[in-house]
Amino acid sequence: MLHLESKKVTANKSAEALYDQLRDFKNFSQLMPDSVQKFEADDQSFMFQMKGLPEVRVMVDEEKRPEFIRLRSASSKLNFTMTCFISELTENTSEAYFEFDGDFNMMMRMMVEKPLKNFLENLADKLSEI
């Protein structure tokens, strides 16, 4: 099992507003790193492709407004979840971070661990800017 966590960041939005922004998958395009070559979103899921990696589609696995949104891979070939945890700091600010849990074999883990860690950190950095 591969478990990764991003740093915690502060967003200038209430927990409710940040949750609403993340729940609209089209908004994830603003969070994607420059290495993402393809991005598509609809109401139920979003798909992205990073340089040198296959397309990945994710959809909601579980959610609790406004505390977290857990996404899971839509493909059985890549078994993972990615969760954004949100906690209210003040009326207009919140703290958030991402967790990734993936069930990969050792070879796949070695290949994806560093790019995934960078991906999570990038998501967190951009989350603090929206």
Protein backbone atom coordinates (compact mmCIF):
# COMPACT_ATOMS: atom_id res chain seq x y z
CA MET A 1 0.00 0.00 0.00
CA LEU A 2 1.27 3.45 -0.92
CA HIS A 3 0.18 6.25 1.42
CA LEU A 4 1.09 9.87 0.69
CA GLU A 5 0.02 13.16 2.26
CA SER A 6 0.44 16.71 1.01
CA LYS A 7 1.33 19.59 3.25
CA LYS A 8 -1.53 21.43 4.94
CA VAL A 9 -2.38 24.75 3.30
CA THR A 10 -4.63 27.65 4.18
CA ALA A 11 -7.27 28.74 1.68
CA ASN A 12 -8.97 32.13 1.79
CA LYS A 13 -12.41 30.53 1.65
CA SER A 14 -14.72 29.10 4.25
CA ALA A 15 -14.78 25.30 4.52
CA GLU A 16 -18.20 25.28 2.84
CA ALA A 17 -17.03 27.46 -0.07
CA LEU A 18 -13.88 25.38 -0.57
CA TYR A 19 -15.89 22.16 -0.49
CA ASP A 20 -18.32 23.57 -3.08
CA GLN A 21 -15.43 24.60 -5.31
CA LEU A 22 -13.86 21.13 -5.15
CA ARG A 23 -17.19 19.37 -5.62
CA ASP A 24 -17.53 21.03 -9.05
CA PHE A 25 -15.02 18.87 -10.89
CA LYS A 26 -14.48 21.44 -13.64
CA ASN A 27 -12.65 23.52 -11.01
CA PHE A 28 -9.96 20.85 -10.67
CA SER A 29 -8.53 22.15 -13.96
CA GLN A 30 -7.26 25.17 -11.97
CA LEU A 31 -5.40 22.84 -9.59
CA MET A 32 -3.70 20.63 -12.15
CA PRO A 33 0.08 20.91 -12.56
CA ASP A 34 1.67 22.03 -15.82
CA SER A 35 2.58 18.40 -16.57
CA VAL A 36 -1.11 17.59 -17.18
CA GLN A 37 -1.61 17.31 -20.94
CA LYS A 38 -5.30 16.45 -20.97
CA PHE A 39 -8.20 17.29 -18.65
CA GLU A 40 -11.94 16.61 -19.00
CA ALA A 41 -14.68 16.96 -16.38
CA ASP A 42 -18.39 16.36 -16.03
CA ASP A 43 -20.76 16.31 -13.06
CA GLN A 44 -19.78 12.82 -11.93
CA SER A 45 -16.04 12.53 -12.61
CA PHE A 46 -12.94 14.03 -14.13
CA MET A 47 -10.12 12.63 -16.22
CA PHE A 48 -6.55 13.83 -16.52
CA GLN A 49 -3.35 12.66 -18.14
CA MET A 50 0.13 13.65 -17.07
CA LYS A 51 3.16 13.45 -19.35
CA GLY A 52 4.36 9.86 -19.67
CA LEU A 53 1.45 8.36 -17.71
CA PRO A 54 -1.87 6.85 -18.78
CA GLU A 55 -5.17 8.71 -18.54
CA VAL A 56 -6.77 8.51 -15.09
CA ARG A 57 -10.47 9.01 -14.41
CA VAL A 58 -11.64 9.63 -10.84
CA MET A 59 -15.10 9.83 -9.33
CA VAL A 60 -16.58 10.43 -5.90
CA ASP A 61 -16.17 7.52 -3.52
CA GLU A 62 -17.40 9.18 -0.33
CA GLU A 63 -18.05 12.71 0.86
CA LYS A 64 -19.03 14.55 4.01
CA ARG A 65 -19.83 18.19 3.53
CA PRO A 66 -17.72 20.25 4.23
CA GLU A 67 -15.14 17.98 5.91
CA PHE A 68 -13.84 15.82 3.05
CA ILE A 69 -14.24 14.57 -0.49
CA ARG A 70 -12.77 11.14 -1.28
CA LEU A 71 -12.23 10.35 -4.94
CA ARG A 72 -11.45 6.91 -6.31
CA SER A 73 -10.12 5.61 -9.55
CA ALA A 74 -12.81 4.65 -12.04
CA SER A 75 -10.57 1.87 -13.40
CA SER A 76 -9.84 -1.41 -11.68
CA LYS A 77 -6.35 -1.35 -13.26
CA LEU A 78 -5.33 1.50 -10.93
CA ASN A 79 -6.74 0.98 -7.46
CA PHE A 80 -6.45 4.19 -5.44
CA THR A 81 -8.27 6.88 -3.50
CA MET A 82 -7.42 10.55 -3.12
CA THR A 83 -9.05 12.52 -0.32
CA CYS A 84 -9.13 16.25 0.33
CA PHE A 85 -9.67 17.01 4.01
CA ILE A 86 -11.01 20.46 4.87
CA SER A 87 -11.30 22.11 8.27
CA GLU A 88 -12.61 25.57 9.05
CA LEU A 89 -10.14 27.97 10.64
CA THR A 90 -12.26 31.13 10.63
CA GLU A 91 -15.41 32.28 8.91
CA ASN A 92 -13.41 33.09 5.75
CA THR A 93 -10.43 30.71 5.89
CA SER A 94 -9.96 26.98 5.96
CA GLU A 95 -7.14 24.48 6.07
CA ALA A 96 -6.91 21.62 3.62
CA TYR A 97 -4.63 18.79 2.58
CA PHE A 98 -4.69 15.76 0.30
CA GLU A 99 -4.12 12.09 1.11
CA PHE A 100 -3.46 9.43 -1.49
CA ASP A 101 -3.79 5.69 -0.87
CA GLY A 102 -2.96 3.29 -3.66
CA ASP A 103 -2.71 -0.47 -3.92
CA PHE A 104 0.26 -0.88 -6.27
CA ASN A 105 2.82 -3.60 -6.76
CA MET A 106 6.40 -2.78 -5.76
CA MET A 107 7.54 -1.95 -9.30
CA MET A 108 4.60 0.39 -9.93
CA ARG A 109 5.09 1.98 -6.52
CA MET A 110 8.72 2.78 -7.29
CA MET A 111 7.69 4.39 -10.58
CA VAL A 112 4.81 6.50 -9.29
CA GLU A 113 5.69 7.49 -5.71
CA LYS A 114 7.75 10.60 -6.49
CA PRO A 115 5.51 11.93 -9.30
CA LEU A 116 2.43 11.37 -7.11
CA LYS A 117 3.99 13.15 -4.13
CA ASN A 118 4.84 16.10 -6.42
CA PHE A 119 1.29 16.00 -7.81
CA LEU A 120 -0.26 16.18 -4.32
CA GLU A 121 2.01 19.04 -3.28
CA ASN A 122 1.10 20.91 -6.47
CA LEU A 123 -2.62 20.41 -5.79
CA ALA A 124 -2.16 21.75 -2.26
CA ASP A 125 -0.12 24.76 -3.43
CA LYS A 126 -2.73 25.71 -6.00
CA LEU A 127 -5.55 25.12 -3.53
CA SER A 128 -4.04 27.81 -1.30
CA GLU A 129 -4.16 30.26 -4.23
CA ILE A 130 -7.81 29.91 -5.23
